[in-house]
Amino acid sequence: MDPGLLVIGTNGFVGKHVKSILQLEGVEYFQIEGKNQVDLLNQDEIDSYLKQNKIEKIINCSAFVGGISYGYKFPVEMLVTNTQMIINLYNSARNNKIKQIVNPISNCAYPGNIEVYKEEDFWNGPPHSSVFYYGLSRRNLVAISNSFHEQYGIESSNVVLSNMYGPKDHFDEERSHALGALVKKICDAKTNGDERVEIWGTGTPIREWLYVQDGAKALVKSLNLDKPHCLFNVGINEGISIKDLSIRISSISDWNGEFIFNTKKPDGVKRKTVDGSLGHELLQWSPEVDIDTGIKTTVEWYMENNE
């Protein structure tokens, strides 16, 4: 591994797991935990940090992000704040001769009218209305990274990841994806002796899920690509409906109550899975943790750590 590796956002869900993998592999790195340490909305702060620490490569896990309801509540932060952070980071990368930036990209950046996400379709239509502003901000990230590659030679590995879940997630309705919110609701129902759990939407949308440790591994592996400037997916092209996912979580949690589907709440995209064949070819690796194992680990972590 090259010296001068920086991980940005190590207080966040993905950043925490990237950090743990680097530690397990014995890789030295610098870290920016959050904006209290270095604010990506202040380019002078970024410039100073990169120069002082002689950074050469960056894994950028910073983002203002949440679930569907979070996107409806904070459209400006989802689009403008996220985009400004990226502009500042790339300007500072140019000023400090950064060689490579690895960016996790949410699969909500894909067009909302397709079901299986393939790299060649990335620009073929707008993101779904339910995630439009955050999805557009990730599109902006890819476009900005491409422009800085063409003009200044900065190489960006833009890694499109399926919906992630796992220990240390945001376990609430607004901040988490559906799986994390369901783990919280079902485990809390078990703890409190509740017989019913409300689920947003119809339960029919199909999603693909990626265990966060697998997502973090993909980002770390991307530091060693032969051709670092690229966009590729990490996934297995297998999905599960929200209803079936709820049943699986309840079984693993040993909760036997009833689900109430609140159809007044939005479903979002009806189906989305990820074709990860290019990512497998580039990384010589595919996600390793199956959904049942991942849910079991997540449930156990939540039950041990929730207050």
C-alpha atoms as a PDB file:
ATOM      1  CA  MET A   1       0.000   0.000   0.000  1.00  0.00           C
ATOM      2  CA  ASP A   2       1.284   3.458  -0.855  1.00  0.00           C
ATOM      3  CA  PRO A   3       2.086   5.834   2.011  1.00  0.00           C
ATOM      4  CA  GLY A   4      -0.077   8.858   2.656  1.00  0.00           C
ATOM      5  CA  LEU A   5      -3.520   7.172   2.685  1.00  0.00           C
ATOM      6  CA  LEU A   6      -6.383   9.246   4.092  1.00  0.00           C
ATOM      7  CA  VAL A   7      -9.845   7.960   5.002  1.00  0.00           C
ATOM      8  CA  ILE A   8     -12.477  10.698   5.260  1.00  0.00           C
ATOM      9  CA  GLY A   9     -15.611  10.095   7.337  1.00  0.00           C
ATOM     10  CA  THR A  10     -14.423   7.435   9.783  1.00  0.00           C
ATOM     11  CA  ASN A  11     -17.216   8.342  12.216  1.00  0.00           C
ATOM     12  CA  GLY A  12     -19.773   7.329   9.586  1.00  0.00           C
ATOM     13  CA  PHE A  13     -21.275   3.915   8.950  1.00  0.00           C
ATOM     14  CA  VAL A  14     -19.076   2.893   6.014  1.00  0.00           C
ATOM     15  CA  GLY A  15     -16.011   4.774   7.221  1.00  0.00           C
ATOM     16  CA  LYS A  16     -15.958   2.860  10.520  1.00  0.00           C
ATOM     17  CA  HIS A  17     -15.776  -0.431   8.658  1.00  0.00           C
ATOM     18  CA  VAL A  18     -13.141   0.782   6.191  1.00  0.00           C
ATOM     19  CA  LYS A  19     -11.070   1.777   9.215  1.00  0.00           C
ATOM     20  CA  SER A  20     -11.471  -1.655  10.840  1.00  0.00           C
ATOM     21  CA  ILE A  21     -10.383  -3.465   7.664  1.00  0.00           C
ATOM     22  CA  LEU A  22      -7.281  -1.289   7.293  1.00  0.00           C
ATOM     23  CA  GLN A  23      -6.410  -1.975  10.927  1.00  0.00           C
ATOM     24  CA  LEU A  24      -6.831  -5.741  10.441  1.00  0.00           C
ATOM     25  CA  GLU A  25      -4.555  -5.598   7.403  1.00  0.00           C
ATOM     26  CA  GLY A  26      -1.957  -3.549   9.263  1.00  0.00           C
ATOM     27  CA  VAL A  27      -2.234  -0.604   6.875  1.00  0.00           C
ATOM     28  CA  GLU A  28      -1.192   2.815   8.171  1.00  0.00           C
ATOM     29  CA  TYR A  29      -3.570   5.656   7.365  1.00  0.00           C
ATOM     30  CA  PHE A  30      -4.651   9.148   8.317  1.00  0.00           C
ATOM     31  CA  GLN A  31      -8.283   9.784   9.177  1.00  0.00           C
ATOM     32  CA  ILE A  32     -10.746  12.643   9.228  1.00  0.00           C
ATOM     33  CA  GLU A  33     -13.525  11.534  11.543  1.00  0.00           C
ATOM     34  CA  GLY A  34     -15.983  14.295  10.731  1.00  0.00           C
ATOM     35  CA  LYS A  35     -16.501  17.993  10.077  1.00  0.00           C
ATOM     36  CA  ASN A  36     -15.443  18.975  13.601  1.00  0.00           C
ATOM     37  CA  GLN A  37     -11.926  17.898  12.619  1.00  0.00           C
ATOM     38  CA  VAL A  38     -11.863  19.066   8.981  1.00  0.00           C
ATOM     39  CA  ASP A  39     -14.922  20.630   7.353  1.00  0.00           C
ATOM     40  CA  LEU A  40     -15.192  19.677   3.674  1.00  0.00           C
ATOM     41  CA  LEU A  41     -17.286  22.808   3.153  1.00  0.00           C
ATOM     42  CA  ASN A  42     -14.122  24.800   3.944  1.00  0.00           C
ATOM     43  CA  GLN A  43     -11.571  24.264   1.194  1.00  0.00           C
ATOM     44  CA  ASP A  44      -8.790  26.007   3.115  1.00  0.00           C
ATOM     45  CA  GLU A  45      -9.113  23.415   5.894  1.00  0.00           C
ATOM     46  CA  ILE A  46      -8.880  20.550   3.397  1.00  0.00           C
ATOM     47  CA  ASP A  47      -5.907  22.121   1.610  1.00  0.00           C
ATOM     48  CA  SER A  48      -4.050  22.585   4.869  1.00  0.00           C
ATOM     49  CA  TYR A  49      -4.684  19.001   6.026  1.00  0.00           C
ATOM     50  CA  LEU A  50      -3.649  17.366   2.746  1.00  0.00           C
ATOM     51  CA  LYS A  51      -0.477  19.459   2.515  1.00  0.00           C
ATOM     52  CA  GLN A  52       0.535  18.964   6.149  1.00  0.00           C
ATOM     53  CA  ASN A  53       0.159  15.169   6.012  1.00  0.00           C
ATOM     54  CA  LYS A  54       1.503  14.610   2.474  1.00  0.00           C
ATOM     55  CA  ILE A  55      -1.577  12.654   1.404  1.00  0.00           C
ATOM     56  CA  GLU A  56      -1.404  10.678  -1.863  1.00  0.00           C
ATOM     57  CA  LYS A  57      -4.585   8.576  -1.858  1.00  0.00           C
ATOM     58  CA  ILE A  58      -8.041   9.125  -0.353  1.00  0.00           C
ATOM     59  CA  ILE A  59     -10.989   6.874   0.473  1.00  0.00           C
ATOM     60  CA  ASN A  60     -13.820   9.392   0.669  1.00  0.00           C
ATOM     61  CA  CYS A  61     -16.691   8.112   2.844  1.00  0.00           C
ATOM     62  CA  SER A  62     -18.079  11.570   3.633  1.00  0.00           C
ATOM     63  CA  ALA A  63     -21.679  12.392   2.692  1.00  0.00           C
ATOM     64  CA  PHE A  64     -24.893  13.908   4.004  1.00  0.00           C
ATOM     65  CA  VAL A  65     -27.158  10.890   3.628  1.00  0.00           C
ATOM     66  CA  GLY A  66     -30.265   9.195   5.025  1.00  0.00           C
ATOM     67  CA  GLY A  67     -33.327   7.178   4.055  1.00  0.00           C
ATOM     68  CA  ILE A  68     -36.196   8.227   1.777  1.00  0.00           C
ATOM     69  CA  SER A  69     -37.877  10.451   4.371  1.00  0.00           C
ATOM     70  CA  TYR A  70     -34.544  12.171   5.074  1.00  0.00           C
ATOM     71  CA  GLY A  71     -34.261  13.002   1.380  1.00  0.00           C
ATOM     72  CA  TYR A  72     -37.717  14.576   1.348  1.00  0.00           C
ATOM     73  CA  LYS A  73     -36.880  16.644   4.432  1.00  0.00           C
ATOM     74  CA  PHE A  74     -33.409  17.899   3.390  1.00  0.00           C
ATOM     75  CA  PRO A  75     -33.287  18.273  -0.422  1.00  0.00           C
ATOM     76  CA  VAL A  76     -30.821  21.188  -0.297  1.00  0.00           C
ATOM     77  CA  GLU A  77     -28.348  19.335   1.889  1.00  0.00           C
ATOM     78  CA  MET A  78     -28.752  16.190  -0.198  1.00  0.00           C
ATOM     79  CA  LEU A  79     -27.888  17.979  -3.443  1.00  0.00           C
ATOM     80  CA  VAL A  80     -26.084  21.257  -2.738  1.00  0.00           C
ATOM     81  CA  THR A  81     -24.129  20.378   0.418  1.00  0.00           C
ATOM     82  CA  ASN A  82     -22.950  17.046  -0.955  1.00  0.00           C
ATOM     83  CA  THR A  83     -21.954  18.586  -4.283  1.00  0.00           C
ATOM     84  CA  GLN A  84     -20.066  21.464  -2.646  1.00  0.00           C
ATOM     85  CA  MET A  85     -18.114  19.013  -0.490  1.00  0.00           C
ATOM     86  CA  ILE A  86     -17.037  17.152  -3.621  1.00  0.00           C
ATOM     87  CA  ILE A  87     -16.049  20.336  -5.468  1.00  0.00           C
ATOM     88  CA  ASN A  88     -13.902  21.431  -2.531  1.00  0.00           C
ATOM     89  CA  LEU A  89     -12.295  18.001  -2.150  1.00  0.00           C
ATOM     90  CA  TYR A  90     -11.339  17.774  -5.820  1.00  0.00           C
ATOM     91  CA  ASN A  91     -10.015  21.336  -5.927  1.00  0.00           C
ATOM     92  CA  SER A  92      -7.845  20.499  -2.912  1.00  0.00           C
ATOM     93  CA  ALA A  93      -6.796  17.211  -4.528  1.00  0.00           C
ATOM     94  CA  ARG A  94      -5.629  19.156  -7.578  1.00  0.00           C
ATOM     95  CA  ASN A  95      -3.750  21.668  -5.404  1.00  0.00           C
ATOM     96  CA  ASN A  96      -1.997  18.865  -3.494  1.00  0.00           C
ATOM     97  CA  LYS A  97      -1.300  16.444  -6.369  1.00  0.00           C
ATOM     98  CA  ILE A  98      -3.479  13.620  -5.031  1.00  0.00           C
ATOM     99  CA  LYS A  99      -3.019  10.455  -7.127  1.00  0.00           C
ATOM    100  CA  GLN A 100      -6.279   8.584  -6.472  1.00  0.00           C
ATOM    101  CA  ILE A 101      -9.657   9.063  -4.784  1.00  0.00           C
ATOM    102  CA  VAL A 102     -11.920   6.079  -4.024  1.00  0.00           C
ATOM    103  CA  ASN A 103     -15.586   7.083  -3.824  1.00  0.00           C
ATOM    104  CA  PRO A 104     -18.448   4.854  -2.646  1.00  0.00           C
ATOM    105  CA  ILE A 105     -21.444   5.642  -4.875  1.00  0.00           C
ATOM    106  CA  SER A 106     -24.994   4.811  -3.819  1.00  0.00           C
ATOM    107  CA  ASN A 107     -26.853   2.774  -6.426  1.00  0.00           C
ATOM    108  CA  CYS A 108     -29.695   5.327  -6.224  1.00  0.00           C
ATOM    109  CA  ALA A 109     -27.619   7.345  -8.705  1.00  0.00           C
ATOM    110  CA  TYR A 110     -28.828   4.965 -11.416  1.00  0.00           C
ATOM    111  CA  PRO A 111     -31.903   5.853 -13.515  1.00  0.00           C
ATOM    112  CA  GLY A 112     -35.141   5.241 -11.671  1.00  0.00           C
ATOM    113  CA  ASN A 113     -36.770   3.413 -14.599  1.00  0.00           C
ATOM    114  CA  ILE A 114     -34.425   0.402 -14.770  1.00  0.00           C
ATOM    115  CA  GLU A 115     -34.427  -2.697 -12.566  1.00  0.00           C
ATOM    116  CA  VAL A 116     -30.968  -4.248 -13.043  1.00  0.00           C
ATOM    117  CA  TYR A 117     -28.177  -1.722 -12.721  1.00  0.00           C
ATOM    118  CA  LYS A 118     -25.407  -2.017 -15.320  1.00  0.00           C
ATOM    119  CA  GLU A 119     -22.599   0.494 -15.750  1.00  0.00           C
ATOM    120  CA  GLU A 120     -23.501   1.301 -19.359  1.00  0.00           C
ATOM    121  CA  ASP A 121     -26.930   2.542 -18.186  1.00  0.00           C
ATOM    122  CA  PHE A 122     -25.622   4.912 -15.507  1.00  0.00           C
ATOM    123  CA  TRP A 123     -26.465   8.104 -17.435  1.00  0.00           C
ATOM    124  CA  ASN A 124     -29.561   6.838 -19.267  1.00  0.00           C
ATOM    125  CA  GLY A 125     -32.261   8.718 -17.380  1.00  0.00           C
ATOM    126  CA  PRO A 126     -32.821  10.634 -14.129  1.00  0.00           C
ATOM    127  CA  PRO A 127     -32.665   9.092 -10.640  1.00  0.00           C
ATOM    128  CA  HIS A 128     -36.004   8.036  -9.114  1.00  0.00           C
ATOM    129  CA  SER A 129     -38.069  10.909  -7.679  1.00  0.00           C
ATOM    130  CA  SER A 130     -37.912   9.417  -4.155  1.00  0.00           C
ATOM    131  CA  VAL A 131     -34.105   9.771  -4.059  1.00  0.00           C
ATOM    132  CA  PHE A 132     -33.635  12.353  -6.798  1.00  0.00           C
ATOM    133  CA  TYR A 133     -31.484  14.957  -5.033  1.00  0.00           C
ATOM    134  CA  TYR A 134     -29.099  12.536  -3.341  1.00  0.00           C
ATOM    135  CA  GLY A 135     -28.888  10.416  -6.489  1.00  0.00           C
ATOM    136  CA  LEU A 136     -28.100  13.540  -8.511  1.00  0.00           C
ATOM    137  CA  SER A 137     -25.376  14.528  -6.054  1.00  0.00           C
ATOM    138  CA  ARG A 138     -23.705  11.136  -6.646  1.00  0.00           C
ATOM    139  CA  ARG A 139     -24.030  11.724 -10.406  1.00  0.00           C
ATOM    140  CA  ASN A 140     -22.340  15.078  -9.846  1.00  0.00           C
ATOM    141  CA  LEU A 141     -19.545  13.312  -7.975  1.00  0.00           C
ATOM    142  CA  VAL A 142     -18.882  11.011 -10.928  1.00  0.00           C
ATOM    143  CA  ALA A 143     -19.006  13.870 -13.428  1.00  0.00           C
ATOM    144  CA  ILE A 144     -16.702  16.060 -11.317  1.00  0.00           C
ATOM    145  CA  SER A 145     -14.236  13.187 -10.867  1.00  0.00           C
ATOM    146  CA  ASN A 146     -14.219  12.584 -14.635  1.00  0.00           C
ATOM    147  CA  SER A 147     -13.541  16.244 -15.373  1.00  0.00           C
ATOM    148  CA  PHE A 148     -10.627  16.374 -12.926  1.00  0.00           C
ATOM    149  CA  HIS A 149      -9.222  13.209 -14.485  1.00  0.00           C
ATOM    150  CA  GLU A 150      -9.388  14.651 -17.986  1.00  0.00           C
ATOM    151  CA  GLN A 151      -7.854  17.993 -17.052  1.00  0.00           C
ATOM    152  CA  TYR A 152      -5.561  17.210 -14.105  1.00  0.00           C
ATOM    153  CA  GLY A 153      -4.978  13.442 -14.208  1.00  0.00           C
ATOM    154  CA  ILE A 154      -6.534  12.632 -10.820  1.00  0.00           C
ATOM    155  CA  GLU A 155      -7.707   9.021 -10.899  1.00  0.00           C
ATOM    156  CA  SER A 156     -11.018   8.197  -9.237  1.00  0.00           C
ATOM    157  CA  SER A 157     -12.389   4.754  -8.508  1.00  0.00           C
ATOM    158  CA  ASN A 158     -16.157   5.265  -8.299  1.00  0.00           C
ATOM    159  CA  VAL A 159     -17.519   2.119  -6.649  1.00  0.00           C
ATOM    160  CA  VAL A 160     -21.300   1.686  -6.894  1.00  0.00           C
ATOM    161  CA  LEU A 161     -22.512  -0.286  -3.881  1.00  0.00           C
ATOM    162  CA  SER A 162     -25.848  -1.979  -3.197  1.00  0.00           C
ATOM    163  CA  ASN A 163     -27.862  -0.808  -0.178  1.00  0.00           C
ATOM    164  CA  MET A 164     -25.605  -1.488   2.793  1.00  0.00           C
ATOM    165  CA  TYR A 165     -26.503  -2.779   6.235  1.00  0.00           C
ATOM    166  CA  GLY A 166     -24.760  -4.194   9.264  1.00  0.00           C
ATOM    167  CA  PRO A 167     -23.480  -3.385  12.754  1.00  0.00           C
ATOM    168  CA  LYS A 168     -22.980   0.298  13.649  1.00  0.00           C
ATOM    169  CA  ASP A 169     -25.644   1.435  11.152  1.00  0.00           C
ATOM    170  CA  HIS A 170     -28.091   4.282  11.823  1.00  0.00           C
ATOM    171  CA  PHE A 171     -30.994   2.297  13.247  1.00  0.00           C
ATOM    172  CA  ASP A 172     -33.908   4.660  12.756  1.00  0.00           C
ATOM    173  CA  GLU A 173     -36.630   5.387  10.217  1.00  0.00           C
ATOM    174  CA  GLU A 174     -35.103   8.572   8.781  1.00  0.00           C
ATOM    175  CA  ARG A 175     -31.356   7.890   8.663  1.00  0.00           C
ATOM    176  CA  SER A 176     -31.220   4.187   7.805  1.00  0.00           C
ATOM    177  CA  HIS A 177     -32.170   2.161   4.770  1.00  0.00           C
ATOM    178  CA  ALA A 178     -35.115  -0.217   5.128  1.00  0.00           C
ATOM    179  CA  LEU A 179     -33.144  -3.134   6.555  1.00  0.00           C
ATOM    180  CA  GLY A 180     -31.700  -1.134   9.455  1.00  0.00           C
ATOM    181  CA  ALA A 181     -35.074   0.421  10.237  1.00  0.00           C
ATOM    182  CA  LEU A 182     -36.722  -3.025  10.190  1.00  0.00           C
ATOM    183  CA  VAL A 183     -34.097  -4.503  12.517  1.00  0.00           C
ATOM    184  CA  LYS A 184     -34.777  -1.694  14.981  1.00  0.00           C
ATOM    185  CA  LYS A 185     -38.572  -2.012  14.789  1.00  0.00           C
ATOM    186  CA  ILE A 186     -38.663  -5.797  15.091  1.00  0.00           C
ATOM    187  CA  CYS A 187     -36.017  -6.069  17.811  1.00  0.00           C
ATOM    188  CA  ASP A 188     -37.692  -3.279  19.793  1.00  0.00           C
ATOM    189  CA  ALA A 189     -41.049  -5.059  19.429  1.00  0.00           C
ATOM    190  CA  LYS A 190     -39.506  -8.237  20.792  1.00  0.00           C
ATOM    191  CA  THR A 191     -37.933  -6.372  23.718  1.00  0.00           C
ATOM    192  CA  ASN A 192     -41.120  -4.441  24.512  1.00  0.00           C
ATOM    193  CA  GLY A 193     -43.518  -7.350  23.981  1.00  0.00           C
ATOM    194  CA  ASP A 194     -45.310  -5.586  21.096  1.00  0.00           C
ATOM    195  CA  GLU A 195     -47.459  -7.757  18.838  1.00  0.00           C
ATOM    196  CA  ARG A 196     -47.515  -5.476  15.784  1.00  0.00           C
ATOM    197  CA  VAL A 197     -44.922  -3.646  13.695  1.00  0.00           C
ATOM    198  CA  GLU A 198     -45.704  -0.987  11.096  1.00  0.00           C
ATOM    199  CA  ILE A 199     -43.818  -1.146   7.814  1.00  0.00           C
ATOM    200  CA  TRP A 200     -43.649   1.735   5.359  1.00  0.00           C
ATOM    201  CA  GLY A 201     -45.221   1.096   1.950  1.00  0.00           C
ATOM    202  CA  THR A 202     -46.684  -2.031   0.447  1.00  0.00           C
ATOM    203  CA  GLY A 203     -43.825  -4.411   1.215  1.00  0.00           C
ATOM    204  CA  THR A 204     -43.500  -5.340  -2.469  1.00  0.00           C
ATOM    205  CA  PRO A 205     -40.366  -3.361  -3.540  1.00  0.00           C
ATOM    206  CA  ILE A 206     -37.348  -5.574  -4.154  1.00  0.00           C
ATOM    207  CA  ARG A 207     -33.884  -4.508  -3.006  1.00  0.00           C
ATOM    208  CA  GLU A 208     -30.413  -5.982  -3.074  1.00  0.00           C
ATOM    209  CA  TRP A 209     -28.451  -5.771   0.176  1.00  0.00           C
ATOM    210  CA  LEU A 210     -24.701  -5.605   0.729  1.00  0.00           C
ATOM    211  CA  TYR A 211     -23.170  -6.375   4.112  1.00  0.00           C
ATOM    212  CA  VAL A 212     -21.162  -3.307   5.103  1.00  0.00           C
ATOM    213  CA  GLN A 213     -17.913  -5.225   5.675  1.00  0.00           C
ATOM    214  CA  ASP A 214     -18.105  -6.410   2.061  1.00  0.00           C
ATOM    215  CA  GLY A 215     -18.701  -2.855   0.884  1.00  0.00           C
ATOM    216  CA  ALA A 216     -15.727  -1.628   2.898  1.00  0.00           C
ATOM    217  CA  LYS A 217     -13.531  -4.429   1.518  1.00  0.00           C
ATOM    218  CA  ALA A 218     -14.432  -3.384  -2.024  1.00  0.00           C
ATOM    219  CA  LEU A 219     -13.306   0.194  -1.297  1.00  0.00           C
ATOM    220  CA  VAL A 220      -9.991  -0.925   0.201  1.00  0.00           C
ATOM    221  CA  LYS A 221      -9.343  -3.342  -2.683  1.00  0.00           C
ATOM    222  CA  SER A 222      -9.981  -0.481  -5.131  1.00  0.00           C
ATOM    223  CA  LEU A 223      -6.776   1.216  -3.962  1.00  0.00           C
ATOM    224  CA  ASN A 224      -4.793  -1.378  -5.909  1.00  0.00           C
ATOM    225  CA  LEU A 225      -6.529  -1.391  -9.294  1.00  0.00           C
ATOM    226  CA  ASP A 226      -4.313  -1.543 -12.384  1.00  0.00           C
ATOM    227  CA  LYS A 227      -6.416   1.188 -14.000  1.00  0.00           C
ATOM    228  CA  PRO A 228      -7.764   3.220 -11.080  1.00  0.00           C
ATOM    229  CA  HIS A 229      -9.982   5.648 -13.022  1.00  0.00           C
ATOM    230  CA  CYS A 230     -13.229   3.741 -13.488  1.00  0.00           C
ATOM    231  CA  LEU A 231     -16.840   3.302 -12.433  1.00  0.00           C
ATOM    232  CA  PHE A 232     -18.031  -0.182 -11.503  1.00  0.00           C
ATOM    233  CA  ASN A 233     -20.670  -1.988  -9.453  1.00  0.00           C
ATOM    234  CA  VAL A 234     -20.231  -4.296  -6.491  1.00  0.00           C
ATOM    235  CA  GLY A 235     -23.179  -6.676  -6.123  1.00  0.00           C
ATOM    236  CA  ILE A 236     -24.633 -10.078  -6.927  1.00  0.00           C
ATOM    237  CA  ASN A 237     -27.867  -9.240  -8.843  1.00  0.00           C
ATOM    238  CA  GLU A 238     -30.117 -10.893  -6.252  1.00  0.00           C
ATOM    239  CA  GLY A 239     -32.912  -9.075  -4.454  1.00  0.00           C
ATOM    240  CA  ILE A 240     -35.516  -9.674  -1.765  1.00  0.00           C
ATOM    241  CA  SER A 241     -38.865  -7.946  -1.196  1.00  0.00           C
ATOM    242  CA  ILE A 242     -39.343  -5.757   1.860  1.00  0.00           C
ATOM    243  CA  LYS A 243     -42.082  -8.123   3.058  1.00  0.00           C
ATOM    244  CA  ASP A 244     -39.871 -11.215   2.764  1.00  0.00           C
ATOM    245  CA  LEU A 245     -37.000  -9.338   4.344  1.00  0.00           C
ATOM    246  CA  SER A 246     -39.250  -8.451   7.293  1.00  0.00           C
ATOM    247  CA  ILE A 247     -40.249 -12.096   7.715  1.00  0.00           C
ATOM    248  CA  ARG A 248     -36.617 -13.175   7.622  1.00  0.00           C
ATOM    249  CA  ILE A 249     -35.583 -10.603  10.247  1.00  0.00           C
ATOM    250  CA  SER A 250     -38.489 -11.595  12.509  1.00  0.00           C
ATOM    251  CA  SER A 251     -37.523 -15.273  12.221  1.00  0.00           C
ATOM    252  CA  ILE A 252     -33.872 -14.584  13.054  1.00  0.00           C
ATOM    253  CA  SER A 253     -34.973 -12.286  15.902  1.00  0.00           C
ATOM    254  CA  ASP A 254     -37.488 -14.884  17.172  1.00  0.00           C
ATOM    255  CA  TRP A 255     -40.376 -12.406  17.080  1.00  0.00           C
ATOM    256  CA  ASN A 256     -43.781 -13.817  16.074  1.00  0.00           C
ATOM    257  CA  GLY A 257     -45.944 -10.718  15.740  1.00  0.00           C
ATOM    258  CA  GLU A 258     -47.969  -9.202  12.884  1.00  0.00           C
ATOM    259  CA  PHE A 259     -46.855  -6.716  10.217  1.00  0.00           C
ATOM    260  CA  ILE A 260     -49.043  -3.706   9.354  1.00  0.00           C
ATOM    261  CA  PHE A 261     -48.203  -2.159   5.977  1.00  0.00           C
ATOM    262  CA  ASN A 262     -48.724   1.609   5.850  1.00  0.00           C
ATOM    263  CA  THR A 263     -49.522   2.093   2.171  1.00  0.00           C
ATOM    264  CA  LYS A 264     -49.690   5.888   2.610  1.00  0.00           C
ATOM    265  CA  LYS A 265     -45.899   5.890   2.869  1.00  0.00           C
ATOM    266  CA  PRO A 266     -43.779   5.819  -0.330  1.00  0.00           C
ATOM    267  CA  ASP A 267     -42.342   2.603  -1.742  1.00  0.00           C
ATOM    268  CA  GLY A 268     -39.588   4.196  -3.789  1.00  0.00           C
ATOM    269  CA  VAL A 269     -38.234   2.245  -6.755  1.00  0.00           C
ATOM    270  CA  LYS A 270     -40.172  -0.992  -7.310  1.00  0.00           C
ATOM    271  CA  ARG A 271     -37.130  -3.151  -7.959  1.00  0.00           C
ATOM    272  CA  LYS A 272     -33.391  -2.639  -8.036  1.00  0.00           C
ATOM    273  CA  THR A 273     -30.576  -5.142  -8.172  1.00  0.00           C
ATOM    274  CA  VAL A 274     -26.951  -4.700  -9.207  1.00  0.00           C
ATOM    275  CA  ASP A 275     -24.997  -6.454 -11.946  1.00  0.00           C
ATOM    276  CA  GLY A 276     -21.594  -6.820 -10.296  1.00  0.00           C
ATOM    277  CA  SER A 277     -19.800  -8.725 -13.072  1.00  0.00           C
ATOM    278  CA  LEU A 278     -17.442  -5.852 -13.981  1.00  0.00           C
ATOM    279  CA  GLY A 279     -16.583  -5.246 -10.331  1.00  0.00           C
ATOM    280  CA  HIS A 280     -15.833  -8.960  -9.895  1.00  0.00           C
ATOM    281  CA  GLU A 281     -13.533  -8.852 -12.908  1.00  0.00           C
ATOM    282  CA  LEU A 282     -11.666  -5.735 -11.750  1.00  0.00           C
ATOM    283  CA  LEU A 283     -11.315  -6.701  -8.090  1.00  0.00           C
ATOM    284  CA  GLN A 284     -11.039 -10.470  -8.614  1.00  0.00           C
ATOM    285  CA  TRP A 285     -13.469 -10.696  -5.718  1.00  0.00           C
ATOM    286  CA  SER A 286     -17.209 -10.708  -4.977  1.00  0.00           C
ATOM    287  CA  PRO A 287     -19.253 -10.054  -1.810  1.00  0.00           C
ATOM    288  CA  GLU A 288     -18.815 -12.896   0.672  1.00  0.00           C
ATOM    289  CA  VAL A 289     -21.484 -12.501   3.407  1.00  0.00           C
ATOM    290  CA  ASP A 290     -24.917 -14.010   2.638  1.00  0.00           C
ATOM    291  CA  ILE A 291     -28.075 -12.191   3.732  1.00  0.00           C
ATOM    292  CA  ASP A 292     -28.994 -14.567   6.603  1.00  0.00           C
ATOM    293  CA  THR A 293     -25.524 -14.400   8.142  1.00  0.00           C
ATOM    294  CA  GLY A 294     -25.479 -10.631   7.754  1.00  0.00           C
ATOM    295  CA  ILE A 295     -28.918 -10.180   9.330  1.00  0.00           C
ATOM    296  CA  LYS A 296     -27.990 -12.461  12.236  1.00  0.00           C
ATOM    297  CA  THR A 297     -24.818 -10.471  12.957  1.00  0.00           C
ATOM    298  CA  THR A 298     -26.710  -7.187  12.630  1.00  0.00           C
ATOM    299  CA  VAL A 299     -29.545  -8.294  14.936  1.00  0.00           C
ATOM    300  CA  GLU A 300     -27.086  -9.553  17.550  1.00  0.00           C
ATOM    301  CA  TRP A 301     -25.131  -6.277  17.426  1.00  0.00           C
ATOM    302  CA  TYR A 302     -28.307  -4.204  17.755  1.00  0.00           C
ATOM    303  CA  MET A 303     -29.647  -6.234  20.687  1.00  0.00           C
ATOM    304  CA  GLU A 304     -26.322  -5.855  22.501  1.00  0.00           C
ATOM    305  CA  ASN A 305     -25.852  -2.158  21.805  1.00  0.00           C
ATOM    306  CA  ASN A 306     -29.280  -0.479  21.663  1.00  0.00           C
ATOM    307  CA  GLU A 307     -30.349   1.505  24.685  1.00  0.00           C
END
